[in-house]
């Protein structure tokens, strides 16, 4: 079996494990394996289908809808909000509400200072301050007495109860829960990998079954039956038919030419093309050139 790059061997457990670990491990792994294998198979199928749908449909559709939404909704709404709400409210705040608020704030501060702050300061200095200091001294004395009483009636018994009863029970519970969670996680990991191996093996088995039950018979049918039949049809029927059609067309063309020759006559031979002579330099015996003058040869005599 091909390796997928991850270590499929179960991790070895540390030596010296307790009896709780050994007791919990095997049942938890059996239950988790039974529950996880179908879930892993369904998960693989759904993951493949989801990736295909997301890649081919959802991603292009989402991009198109996002662009359309920005063009048709976001930008018009932003422009409308800025034009009809933000700019008028900003002007109203700067020109009207801020000056009115500063004036009202100053008046309220003056009224609060005259009606509340000054009387409250006098009341605190001459009435509440002395009463508060006396109450604080009384509360410190009562607090010391109550603290001593609470310590010896609540804290000391609670500490002894935690140290000798609740603490050991809590540690044992935490140890059991930790072992259970650790074994469950390890079992989930191993069973998930085992389910992946089973899923891939099932996929290969289905591929092999499909290949040997459908693909290979069709391929052998094509090679062993359809191809020879096609070649026989091409060589025995189609080629003679094409040759006969070509011969028939050639015969028809020849017959048509013979009938035309008998009725109309043989076609005329094409006339030879005339040589184009420049008009400014006509050729002939009476033409005046550099070596001739009105038909006479004026070339110098040859020297002896």
C-alpha atoms as a PDB file:
ATOM      1  CA  UNK A   1       0.000   0.000   0.000  1.00  0.00           C
ATOM      2  CA  UNK A   2       1.364   3.460  -0.933  1.00  0.00           C
ATOM      3  CA  UNK A   3       2.340   5.803   1.863  1.00  0.00           C
ATOM      4  CA  UNK A   4       0.484   9.134   2.018  1.00  0.00           C
ATOM      5  CA  UNK A   5       3.257  10.911   3.868  1.00  0.00           C
ATOM      6  CA  UNK A   6       1.829  10.609   7.397  1.00  0.00           C
ATOM      7  CA  UNK A   7       2.734   8.027   9.995  1.00  0.00           C
ATOM      8  CA  UNK A   8      -0.198   5.606  10.271  1.00  0.00           C
ATOM      9  CA  UNK A   9       1.313   3.502  13.034  1.00  0.00           C
ATOM     10  CA  UNK A  10      -0.348   4.112  16.405  1.00  0.00           C
ATOM     11  CA  UNK A  11       1.787   6.080  18.828  1.00  0.00           C
ATOM     12  CA  UNK A  12       3.292   4.037  21.626  1.00  0.00           C
ATOM     13  CA  UNK A  13       2.064   4.786  25.097  1.00  0.00           C
ATOM     14  CA  UNK A  14       4.396   5.810  27.847  1.00  0.00           C
ATOM     15  CA  UNK A  15       5.351   2.993  30.234  1.00  0.00           C
ATOM     16  CA  UNK A  16       3.915   2.905  33.722  1.00  0.00           C
ATOM     17  CA  UNK A  17       0.296   3.776  32.823  1.00  0.00           C
ATOM     18  CA  UNK A  18      -2.355   3.289  35.471  1.00  0.00           C
ATOM     19  CA  UNK A  19      -5.163   0.788  35.594  1.00  0.00           C
ATOM     20  CA  UNK A  20      -7.703   3.454  34.622  1.00  0.00           C
ATOM     21  CA  UNK A  21      -5.920   3.998  31.274  1.00  0.00           C
ATOM     22  CA  UNK A  22      -5.804   0.279  30.505  1.00  0.00           C
ATOM     23  CA  UNK A  23      -9.447  -0.182  31.510  1.00  0.00           C
ATOM     24  CA  UNK A  24     -10.767   2.726  29.425  1.00  0.00           C
ATOM     25  CA  UNK A  25      -8.645   2.379  26.264  1.00  0.00           C
ATOM     26  CA  UNK A  26     -10.055  -0.714  24.492  1.00  0.00           C
ATOM     27  CA  UNK A  27     -13.845   0.001  24.854  1.00  0.00           C
ATOM     28  CA  UNK A  28     -13.383   3.628  23.884  1.00  0.00           C
ATOM     29  CA  UNK A  29     -11.440   2.688  20.732  1.00  0.00           C
ATOM     30  CA  UNK A  30     -14.002   0.105  19.688  1.00  0.00           C
ATOM     31  CA  UNK A  31     -16.931   2.511  20.109  1.00  0.00           C
ATOM     32  CA  UNK A  32     -15.115   5.367  18.370  1.00  0.00           C
ATOM     33  CA  UNK A  33     -14.065   3.145  15.437  1.00  0.00           C
ATOM     34  CA  UNK A  34     -17.671   2.012  14.880  1.00  0.00           C
ATOM     35  CA  UNK A  35     -18.912   5.600  15.000  1.00  0.00           C
ATOM     36  CA  UNK A  36     -16.149   7.274  13.008  1.00  0.00           C
ATOM     37  CA  UNK A  37     -15.833   5.026   9.913  1.00  0.00           C
ATOM     38  CA  UNK A  38     -19.276   5.946   8.402  1.00  0.00           C
ATOM     39  CA  UNK A  39     -18.750   9.583   9.349  1.00  0.00           C
ATOM     40  CA  UNK A  40     -15.369   9.598   7.585  1.00  0.00           C
ATOM     41  CA  UNK A  41     -16.805   8.060   4.423  1.00  0.00           C
ATOM     42  CA  UNK A  42     -19.653  10.589   4.316  1.00  0.00           C
ATOM     43  CA  UNK A  43     -17.179  13.367   5.105  1.00  0.00           C
ATOM     44  CA  UNK A  44     -14.910  12.432   2.174  1.00  0.00           C
ATOM     45  CA  UNK A  45     -17.842  12.392  -0.275  1.00  0.00           C
ATOM     46  CA  UNK A  46     -19.266  15.694   1.004  1.00  0.00           C
ATOM     47  CA  UNK A  47     -15.819  17.317   0.971  1.00  0.00           C
ATOM     48  CA  UNK A  48     -15.204  16.356  -2.665  1.00  0.00           C
ATOM     49  CA  UNK A  49     -18.681  17.512  -3.726  1.00  0.00           C
ATOM     50  CA  UNK A  50     -18.369  20.765  -1.753  1.00  0.00           C
ATOM     51  CA  UNK A  51     -15.005  21.565  -3.323  1.00  0.00           C
ATOM     52  CA  UNK A  52     -16.343  20.953  -6.814  1.00  0.00           C
ATOM     53  CA  UNK A  53     -19.470  23.079  -6.233  1.00  0.00           C
ATOM     54  CA  UNK A  54     -17.441  25.861  -4.621  1.00  0.00           C
ATOM     55  CA  UNK A  55     -14.843  25.883  -7.382  1.00  0.00           C
ATOM     56  CA  UNK A  56     -17.250  25.748 -10.333  1.00  0.00           C
ATOM     57  CA  UNK A  57     -20.347  27.633  -9.119  1.00  0.00           C
ATOM     58  CA  UNK A  58     -20.221  29.368  -5.748  1.00  0.00           C
ATOM     59  CA  UNK A  59     -16.939  31.237  -6.148  1.00  0.00           C
ATOM     60  CA  UNK A  60     -17.751  32.817  -9.582  1.00  0.00           C
ATOM     61  CA  UNK A  61     -21.343  33.490  -8.466  1.00  0.00           C
ATOM     62  CA  UNK A  62     -20.145  35.144  -5.241  1.00  0.00           C
ATOM     63  CA  UNK A  63     -17.676  37.341  -7.091  1.00  0.00           C
ATOM     64  CA  UNK A  64     -20.289  38.413  -9.612  1.00  0.00           C
ATOM     65  CA  UNK A  65     -22.873  39.147  -6.898  1.00  0.00           C
ATOM     66  CA  UNK A  66     -20.299  41.088  -4.864  1.00  0.00           C
ATOM     67  CA  UNK A  67     -19.386  43.273  -7.838  1.00  0.00           C
ATOM     68  CA  UNK A  68     -23.034  43.754  -8.763  1.00  0.00           C
ATOM     69  CA  UNK A  69     -23.897  44.622  -5.148  1.00  0.00           C
ATOM     70  CA  UNK A  70     -21.099  47.166  -4.936  1.00  0.00           C
ATOM     71  CA  UNK A  71     -22.130  48.747  -8.221  1.00  0.00           C
ATOM     72  CA  UNK A  72     -25.906  48.774  -7.658  1.00  0.00           C
ATOM     73  CA  UNK A  73     -26.342  49.050  -3.883  1.00  0.00           C
ATOM     74  CA  UNK A  74     -23.249  50.066  -1.891  1.00  0.00           C
ATOM     75  CA  UNK A  75     -22.077  52.981  -4.004  1.00  0.00           C
ATOM     76  CA  UNK A  76     -25.555  54.545  -4.515  1.00  0.00           C
ATOM     77  CA  UNK A  77     -26.368  54.112  -0.819  1.00  0.00           C
ATOM     78  CA  UNK A  78     -23.030  55.603   0.231  1.00  0.00           C
ATOM     79  CA  UNK A  79     -23.528  58.584  -2.066  1.00  0.00           C
ATOM     80  CA  UNK A  80     -27.132  59.050  -0.851  1.00  0.00           C
ATOM     81  CA  UNK A  81     -26.118  58.739   2.805  1.00  0.00           C
ATOM     82  CA  UNK A  82     -23.325  61.250   2.415  1.00  0.00           C
ATOM     83  CA  UNK A  83     -25.418  63.714   0.408  1.00  0.00           C
ATOM     84  CA  UNK A  84     -28.686  63.527   2.366  1.00  0.00           C
ATOM     85  CA  UNK A  85     -27.497  62.728   5.910  1.00  0.00           C
ATOM     86  CA  UNK A  86     -23.797  63.287   6.644  1.00  0.00           C
ATOM     87  CA  UNK A  87     -23.339  66.702   5.007  1.00  0.00           C
ATOM     88  CA  UNK A  88     -26.595  68.232   6.421  1.00  0.00           C
ATOM     89  CA  UNK A  89     -25.930  66.816   9.917  1.00  0.00           C
ATOM     90  CA  UNK A  90     -22.340  68.087   9.846  1.00  0.00           C
ATOM     91  CA  UNK A  91     -23.499  71.571   8.888  1.00  0.00           C
ATOM     92  CA  UNK A  92     -26.252  71.488  11.552  1.00  0.00           C
ATOM     93  CA  UNK A  93     -23.745  70.375  14.214  1.00  0.00           C
ATOM     94  CA  UNK A  94     -21.148  72.997  13.352  1.00  0.00           C
ATOM     95  CA  UNK A  95     -23.499  75.936  12.810  1.00  0.00           C
ATOM     96  CA  UNK A  96     -26.354  75.306  15.262  1.00  0.00           C
ATOM     97  CA  UNK A  97     -25.997  72.507  17.797  1.00  0.00           C
ATOM     98  CA  UNK A  98     -22.396  73.094  18.854  1.00  0.00           C
ATOM     99  CA  UNK A  99     -22.864  76.810  19.748  1.00  0.00           C
ATOM    100  CA  UNK A 100     -26.184  76.098  21.483  1.00  0.00           C
ATOM    101  CA  UNK A 101     -24.651  73.153  23.360  1.00  0.00           C
ATOM    102  CA  UNK A 102     -21.696  75.225  24.571  1.00  0.00           C
ATOM    103  CA  UNK A 103     -24.043  77.912  25.909  1.00  0.00           C
ATOM    104  CA  UNK A 104     -26.346  75.413  27.607  1.00  0.00           C
ATOM    105  CA  UNK A 105     -23.336  73.564  29.076  1.00  0.00           C
ATOM    106  CA  UNK A 106     -21.965  76.756  30.613  1.00  0.00           C
ATOM    107  CA  UNK A 107     -25.371  77.618  32.153  1.00  0.00           C
ATOM    108  CA  UNK A 108     -25.834  74.096  33.532  1.00  0.00           C
ATOM    109  CA  UNK A 109     -22.356  74.104  35.059  1.00  0.00           C
ATOM    110  CA  UNK A 110     -23.033  77.413  36.780  1.00  0.00           C
ATOM    111  CA  UNK A 111     -26.405  76.193  38.117  1.00  0.00           C
ATOM    112  CA  UNK A 112     -24.955  72.890  39.338  1.00  0.00           C
ATOM    113  CA  UNK A 113     -22.118  74.650  41.072  1.00  0.00           C
ATOM    114  CA  UNK A 114     -24.461  77.043  42.850  1.00  0.00           C
ATOM    115  CA  UNK A 115     -27.195  74.562  43.711  1.00  0.00           C
ATOM    116  CA  UNK A 116     -25.328  71.288  44.321  1.00  0.00           C
ATOM    117  CA  UNK A 117     -21.578  71.549  44.634  1.00  0.00           C
ATOM    118  CA  UNK A 118     -21.426  74.264  47.309  1.00  0.00           C
ATOM    119  CA  UNK A 119     -24.174  72.749  49.544  1.00  0.00           C
ATOM    120  CA  UNK A 120     -22.763  69.238  49.097  1.00  0.00           C
ATOM    121  CA  UNK A 121     -19.259  70.419  50.040  1.00  0.00           C
ATOM    122  CA  UNK A 122     -20.602  72.102  53.206  1.00  0.00           C
ATOM    123  CA  UNK A 123     -22.665  68.998  54.098  1.00  0.00           C
ATOM    124  CA  UNK A 124     -19.666  66.680  53.653  1.00  0.00           C
ATOM    125  CA  UNK A 125     -17.320  68.897  55.653  1.00  0.00           C
ATOM    126  CA  UNK A 126     -19.542  69.484  58.689  1.00  0.00           C
ATOM    127  CA  UNK A 127     -21.939  66.492  58.772  1.00  0.00           C
ATOM    128  CA  UNK A 128     -20.997  63.484  56.673  1.00  0.00           C
ATOM    129  CA  UNK A 129     -17.249  63.622  57.312  1.00  0.00           C
ATOM    130  CA  UNK A 130     -17.465  63.275  61.108  1.00  0.00           C
ATOM    131  CA  UNK A 131     -20.191  60.657  60.856  1.00  0.00           C
ATOM    132  CA  UNK A 132     -18.175  58.682  58.287  1.00  0.00           C
ATOM    133  CA  UNK A 133     -14.999  58.704  60.393  1.00  0.00           C
ATOM    134  CA  UNK A 134     -16.905  57.449  63.439  1.00  0.00           C
ATOM    135  CA  UNK A 135     -18.633  54.767  61.397  1.00  0.00           C
ATOM    136  CA  UNK A 136     -15.267  53.714  59.961  1.00  0.00           C
ATOM    137  CA  UNK A 137     -13.757  53.249  63.415  1.00  0.00           C
ATOM    138  CA  UNK A 138     -16.794  51.242  64.505  1.00  0.00           C
ATOM    139  CA  UNK A 139     -16.675  49.162  61.324  1.00  0.00           C
ATOM    140  CA  UNK A 140     -12.987  48.355  61.843  1.00  0.00           C
ATOM    141  CA  UNK A 141     -13.703  47.013  65.308  1.00  0.00           C
ATOM    142  CA  UNK A 142     -16.689  45.002  64.153  1.00  0.00           C
ATOM    143  CA  UNK A 143     -14.680  43.754  61.149  1.00  0.00           C
ATOM    144  CA  UNK A 144     -11.903  42.447  63.363  1.00  0.00           C
ATOM    145  CA  UNK A 145     -14.397  40.603  65.562  1.00  0.00           C
ATOM    146  CA  UNK A 146     -16.316  39.196  62.589  1.00  0.00           C
ATOM    147  CA  UNK A 147     -13.069  38.239  60.826  1.00  0.00           C
ATOM    148  CA  UNK A 148     -11.879  36.235  63.793  1.00  0.00           C
ATOM    149  CA  UNK A 149     -15.277  34.574  64.107  1.00  0.00           C
ATOM    150  CA  UNK A 150     -15.479  33.724  60.393  1.00  0.00           C
ATOM    151  CA  UNK A 151     -11.921  32.406  60.377  1.00  0.00           C
ATOM    152  CA  UNK A 152     -12.453  29.882  63.147  1.00  0.00           C
ATOM    153  CA  UNK A 153     -16.005  28.930  62.187  1.00  0.00           C
ATOM    154  CA  UNK A 154     -15.764  28.838  58.339  1.00  0.00           C
ATOM    155  CA  UNK A 155     -12.270  29.185  56.859  1.00  0.00           C
ATOM    156  CA  UNK A 156     -10.368  26.742  59.085  1.00  0.00           C
ATOM    157  CA  UNK A 157     -13.001  23.938  58.772  1.00  0.00           C
ATOM    158  CA  UNK A 158     -13.318  24.577  55.023  1.00  0.00           C
ATOM    159  CA  UNK A 159      -9.514  24.373  54.615  1.00  0.00           C
ATOM    160  CA  UNK A 160      -9.372  21.097  56.505  1.00  0.00           C
ATOM    161  CA  UNK A 161     -12.263  19.734  54.446  1.00  0.00           C
ATOM    162  CA  UNK A 162     -10.535  20.704  51.173  1.00  0.00           C
ATOM    163  CA  UNK A 163      -7.138  19.406  52.235  1.00  0.00           C
ATOM    164  CA  UNK A 164      -8.236  16.012  53.464  1.00  0.00           C
ATOM    165  CA  UNK A 165     -11.486  15.265  51.526  1.00  0.00           C
ATOM    166  CA  UNK A 166     -12.315  17.457  48.536  1.00  0.00           C
ATOM    167  CA  UNK A 167      -8.759  17.930  47.276  1.00  0.00           C
ATOM    168  CA  UNK A 168      -7.931  14.213  46.855  1.00  0.00           C
ATOM    169  CA  UNK A 169     -11.376  13.558  45.347  1.00  0.00           C
ATOM    170  CA  UNK A 170     -10.928  16.436  42.868  1.00  0.00           C
ATOM    171  CA  UNK A 171      -7.451  15.269  41.870  1.00  0.00           C
ATOM    172  CA  UNK A 172      -8.731  11.726  41.308  1.00  0.00           C
ATOM    173  CA  UNK A 173     -11.641  13.040  39.214  1.00  0.00           C
ATOM    174  CA  UNK A 174      -9.335  15.253  37.155  1.00  0.00           C
ATOM    175  CA  UNK A 175      -6.970  12.312  36.577  1.00  0.00           C
ATOM    176  CA  UNK A 176      -9.820  10.057  35.422  1.00  0.00           C
ATOM    177  CA  UNK A 177     -11.288  12.754  33.161  1.00  0.00           C
ATOM    178  CA  UNK A 178      -7.830  13.551  31.736  1.00  0.00           C
ATOM    179  CA  UNK A 179      -7.185   9.892  30.936  1.00  0.00           C
ATOM    180  CA  UNK A 180     -10.628   9.542  29.372  1.00  0.00           C
ATOM    181  CA  UNK A 181     -10.191  12.657  27.226  1.00  0.00           C
ATOM    182  CA  UNK A 182      -6.667  11.668  26.183  1.00  0.00           C
ATOM    183  CA  UNK A 183      -7.673   8.148  25.241  1.00  0.00           C
ATOM    184  CA  UNK A 184     -10.749   9.408  23.411  1.00  0.00           C
ATOM    185  CA  UNK A 185      -8.635  11.874  21.425  1.00  0.00           C
ATOM    186  CA  UNK A 186      -6.038   9.220  20.602  1.00  0.00           C
ATOM    187  CA  UNK A 187      -8.765   6.783  19.594  1.00  0.00           C
ATOM    188  CA  UNK A 188     -10.409   9.426  17.419  1.00  0.00           C
ATOM    189  CA  UNK A 189      -7.103  10.142  15.681  1.00  0.00           C
ATOM    190  CA  UNK A 190      -6.316   6.478  15.040  1.00  0.00           C
ATOM    191  CA  UNK A 191      -9.844   5.675  13.940  1.00  0.00           C
ATOM    192  CA  UNK A 192      -9.931   8.727  11.665  1.00  0.00           C
ATOM    193  CA  UNK A 193      -6.740   7.609   9.951  1.00  0.00           C
ATOM    194  CA  UNK A 194      -8.017   4.024   9.752  1.00  0.00           C
ATOM    195  CA  UNK A 195     -11.273   5.281   8.253  1.00  0.00           C
ATOM    196  CA  UNK A 196      -9.240   7.253   5.704  1.00  0.00           C
ATOM    197  CA  UNK A 197      -7.340   4.081   4.762  1.00  0.00           C
ATOM    198  CA  UNK A 198     -10.615   2.170   4.429  1.00  0.00           C
ATOM    199  CA  UNK A 199     -12.133   4.981   2.374  1.00  0.00           C
ATOM    200  CA  UNK A 200      -9.195   5.069  -0.035  1.00  0.00           C
ATOM    201  CA  UNK A 201      -9.163   1.259  -0.278  1.00  0.00           C
ATOM    202  CA  UNK A 202     -12.892   1.260  -1.008  1.00  0.00           C
ATOM    203  CA  UNK A 203     -12.359   3.920  -3.684  1.00  0.00           C
ATOM    204  CA  UNK A 204      -9.600   1.866  -5.310  1.00  0.00           C
ATOM    205  CA  UNK A 205     -11.770  -1.259  -5.150  1.00  0.00           C
ATOM    206  CA  UNK A 206     -14.692   0.539  -6.786  1.00  0.00           C
ATOM    207  CA  UNK A 207     -12.348   1.929  -9.451  1.00  0.00           C
ATOM    208  CA  UNK A 208     -10.951  -1.533 -10.162  1.00  0.00           C
ATOM    209  CA  UNK A 209     -14.450  -3.059 -10.300  1.00  0.00           C
ATOM    210  CA  UNK A 210     -15.611  -0.324 -12.679  1.00  0.00           C
ATOM    211  CA  UNK A 211     -12.550  -0.801 -14.837  1.00  0.00           C
ATOM    212  CA  UNK A 212     -12.832  -4.595 -15.142  1.00  0.00           C
ATOM    213  CA  UNK A 213     -16.621  -4.651 -15.458  1.00  0.00           C
ATOM    214  CA  UNK A 214     -17.167  -1.717 -17.841  1.00  0.00           C
ATOM    215  CA  UNK A 215     -14.015  -0.129 -19.251  1.00  0.00           C
ATOM    216  CA  UNK A 216     -12.079  -3.275 -20.170  1.00  0.00           C
ATOM    217  CA  UNK A 217     -15.076  -5.043 -21.849  1.00  0.00           C
ATOM    218  CA  UNK A 218     -15.824  -1.887 -23.855  1.00  0.00           C
ATOM    219  CA  UNK A 219     -12.176  -1.525 -24.854  1.00  0.00           C
ATOM    220  CA  UNK A 220     -11.956  -5.190 -25.903  1.00  0.00           C
ATOM    221  CA  UNK A 221     -15.275  -4.879 -27.763  1.00  0.00           C
ATOM    222  CA  UNK A 222     -13.938  -1.818 -29.595  1.00  0.00           C
ATOM    223  CA  UNK A 223     -10.601  -3.423 -30.455  1.00  0.00           C
ATOM    224  CA  UNK A 224     -11.841  -6.948 -31.176  1.00  0.00           C
ATOM    225  CA  UNK A 225     -15.203  -6.319 -32.859  1.00  0.00           C
ATOM    226  CA  UNK A 226     -15.938  -2.717 -33.821  1.00  0.00           C
ATOM    227  CA  UNK A 227     -12.507  -1.920 -35.283  1.00  0.00           C
ATOM    228  CA  UNK A 228     -12.355  -5.002 -37.607  1.00  0.00           C
ATOM    229  CA  UNK A 229     -15.974  -4.428 -38.645  1.00  0.00           C
ATOM    230  CA  UNK A 230     -15.207  -0.781 -39.396  1.00  0.00           C
ATOM    231  CA  UNK A 231     -12.121  -1.699 -41.413  1.00  0.00           C
ATOM    232  CA  UNK A 232     -14.087  -4.345 -43.338  1.00  0.00           C
ATOM    233  CA  UNK A 233     -16.866  -1.833 -44.108  1.00  0.00           C
ATOM    234  CA  UNK A 234     -14.289   0.767 -45.161  1.00  0.00           C
ATOM    235  CA  UNK A 235     -12.271  -1.619 -47.377  1.00  0.00           C
ATOM    236  CA  UNK A 236     -15.115  -3.761 -48.749  1.00  0.00           C
ATOM    237  CA  UNK A 237     -17.932  -1.228 -49.163  1.00  0.00           C
ATOM    238  CA  UNK A 238     -16.948   2.404 -48.750  1.00  0.00           C
ATOM    239  CA  UNK A 239     -13.816   2.427 -50.954  1.00  0.00           C
ATOM    240  CA  UNK A 240     -15.476   0.609 -53.928  1.00  0.00           C
ATOM    241  CA  UNK A 241     -18.474   2.927 -53.653  1.00  0.00           C
ATOM    242  CA  UNK A 242     -16.205   5.989 -53.650  1.00  0.00           C
ATOM    243  CA  UNK A 243     -14.208   4.630 -56.617  1.00  0.00           C
ATOM    244  CA  UNK A 244     -17.433   3.938 -58.505  1.00  0.00           C
ATOM    245  CA  UNK A 245     -18.671   7.471 -57.780  1.00  0.00           C
ATOM    246  CA  UNK A 246     -15.424   8.979 -58.991  1.00  0.00           C
ATOM    247  CA  UNK A 247     -15.547   6.867 -62.185  1.00  0.00           C
ATOM    248  CA  UNK A 248     -19.182   7.872 -62.743  1.00  0.00           C
ATOM    249  CA  UNK A 249     -18.356  11.587 -62.295  1.00  0.00           C
ATOM    250  CA  UNK A 250     -15.412  11.297 -64.731  1.00  0.00           C
ATOM    251  CA  UNK A 251     -17.663   9.513 -67.270  1.00  0.00           C
ATOM    252  CA  UNK A 252     -20.351  12.182 -66.933  1.00  0.00           C
ATOM    253  CA  UNK A 253     -17.809  14.987 -67.454  1.00  0.00           C
ATOM    254  CA  UNK A 254     -16.330  13.229 -70.528  1.00  0.00           C
ATOM    255  CA  UNK A 255     -19.805  12.630 -71.997  1.00  0.00           C
ATOM    256  CA  UNK A 256     -20.748  16.277 -71.421  1.00  0.00           C
ATOM    257  CA  UNK A 257     -17.587  17.478 -73.211  1.00  0.00           C
ATOM    258  CA  UNK A 258     -18.269  15.142 -76.158  1.00  0.00           C
ATOM    259  CA  UNK A 259     -21.862  16.367 -76.489  1.00  0.00           C
ATOM    260  CA  UNK A 260     -20.728  20.006 -76.348  1.00  0.00           C
ATOM    261  CA  UNK A 261     -18.041  19.358 -79.019  1.00  0.00           C
ATOM    262  CA  UNK A 262     -20.617  17.642 -81.268  1.00  0.00           C
ATOM    263  CA  UNK A 263     -23.153  20.471 -80.929  1.00  0.00           C
ATOM    264  CA  UNK A 264     -21.026  23.598 -80.726  1.00  0.00           C
ATOM    265  CA  UNK A 265     -17.646  22.551 -82.034  1.00  0.00           C
ATOM    266  CA  UNK A 266     -14.183  22.480 -80.568  1.00  0.00           C
ATOM    267  CA  UNK A 267     -13.234  25.563 -78.554  1.00  0.00           C
ATOM    268  CA  UNK A 268     -10.972  28.084 -80.255  1.00  0.00           C
ATOM    269  CA  UNK A 269      -7.300  28.135 -79.417  1.00  0.00           C
ATOM    270  CA  UNK A 270      -6.317  31.198 -77.420  1.00  0.00           C
ATOM    271  CA  UNK A 271      -4.587  33.968 -79.401  1.00  0.00           C
ATOM    272  CA  UNK A 272      -0.945  34.694 -78.551  1.00  0.00           C
ATOM    273  CA  UNK A 273      -0.464  37.830 -76.539  1.00  0.00           C
ATOM    274  CA  UNK A 274       0.977  40.834 -78.391  1.00  0.00           C
ATOM    275  CA  UNK A 275       4.294  42.283 -77.270  1.00  0.00           C
ATOM    276  CA  UNK A 276       3.893  45.662 -75.627  1.00  0.00           C
ATOM    277  CA  UNK A 277       6.116  48.232 -77.358  1.00  0.00           C
ATOM    278  CA  UNK A 278       6.742  51.611 -75.698  1.00  0.00           C
ATOM    279  CA  UNK A 279       5.272  54.479 -77.716  1.00  0.00           C
ATOM    280  CA  UNK A 280       8.205  56.825 -77.230  1.00  0.00           C
ATOM    281  CA  UNK A 281      10.757  54.350 -78.628  1.00  0.00           C
ATOM    282  CA  UNK A 282       9.208  52.648 -81.649  1.00  0.00           C
ATOM    283  CA  UNK A 283      11.268  49.916 -83.360  1.00  0.00           C
ATOM    284  CA  UNK A 284      11.831  49.763 -87.183  1.00  0.00           C
ATOM    285  CA  UNK A 285      14.256  50.495 -90.032  1.00  0.00           C
ATOM    286  CA  UNK A 286      13.100  54.103 -90.444  1.00  0.00           C
ATOM    287  CA  UNK A 287      13.545  54.949 -86.785  1.00  0.00           C
ATOM    288  CA  UNK A 288      16.188  57.510 -85.919  1.00  0.00           C
ATOM    289  CA  UNK A 289      18.548  56.280 -83.243  1.00  0.00           C
ATOM    290  CA  UNK A 290      22.022  57.188 -82.027  1.00  0.00           C
ATOM    291  CA  UNK A 291      23.694  54.940 -84.629  1.00  0.00           C
ATOM    292  CA  UNK A 292      21.313  55.593 -87.508  1.00  0.00           C
ATOM    293  CA  UNK A 293      20.014  58.688 -89.213  1.00  0.00           C
ATOM    294  CA  UNK A 294      16.898  58.453 -91.449  1.00  0.00           C
ATOM    295  CA  UNK A 295      17.597  54.876 -92.444  1.00  0.00           C
ATOM    296  CA  UNK A 296      21.301  55.284 -93.184  1.00  0.00           C
ATOM    297  CA  UNK A 297      24.046  53.756 -91.069  1.00  0.00           C
ATOM    298  CA  UNK A 298      26.325  56.514 -89.842  1.00  0.00           C
ATOM    299  CA  UNK A 299      28.616  54.278 -87.831  1.00  0.00           C
ATOM    300  CA  UNK A 300      32.310  55.071 -88.406  1.00  0.00           C
ATOM    301  CA  UNK A 301      34.203  52.893 -90.885  1.00  0.00           C
ATOM    302  CA  UNK A 302      36.322  50.142 -89.530  1.00  0.00           C
ATOM    303  CA  UNK A 303      40.004  50.899 -89.328  1.00  0.00           C
ATOM    304  CA  UNK A 304      42.434  48.881 -91.428  1.00  0.00           C
END
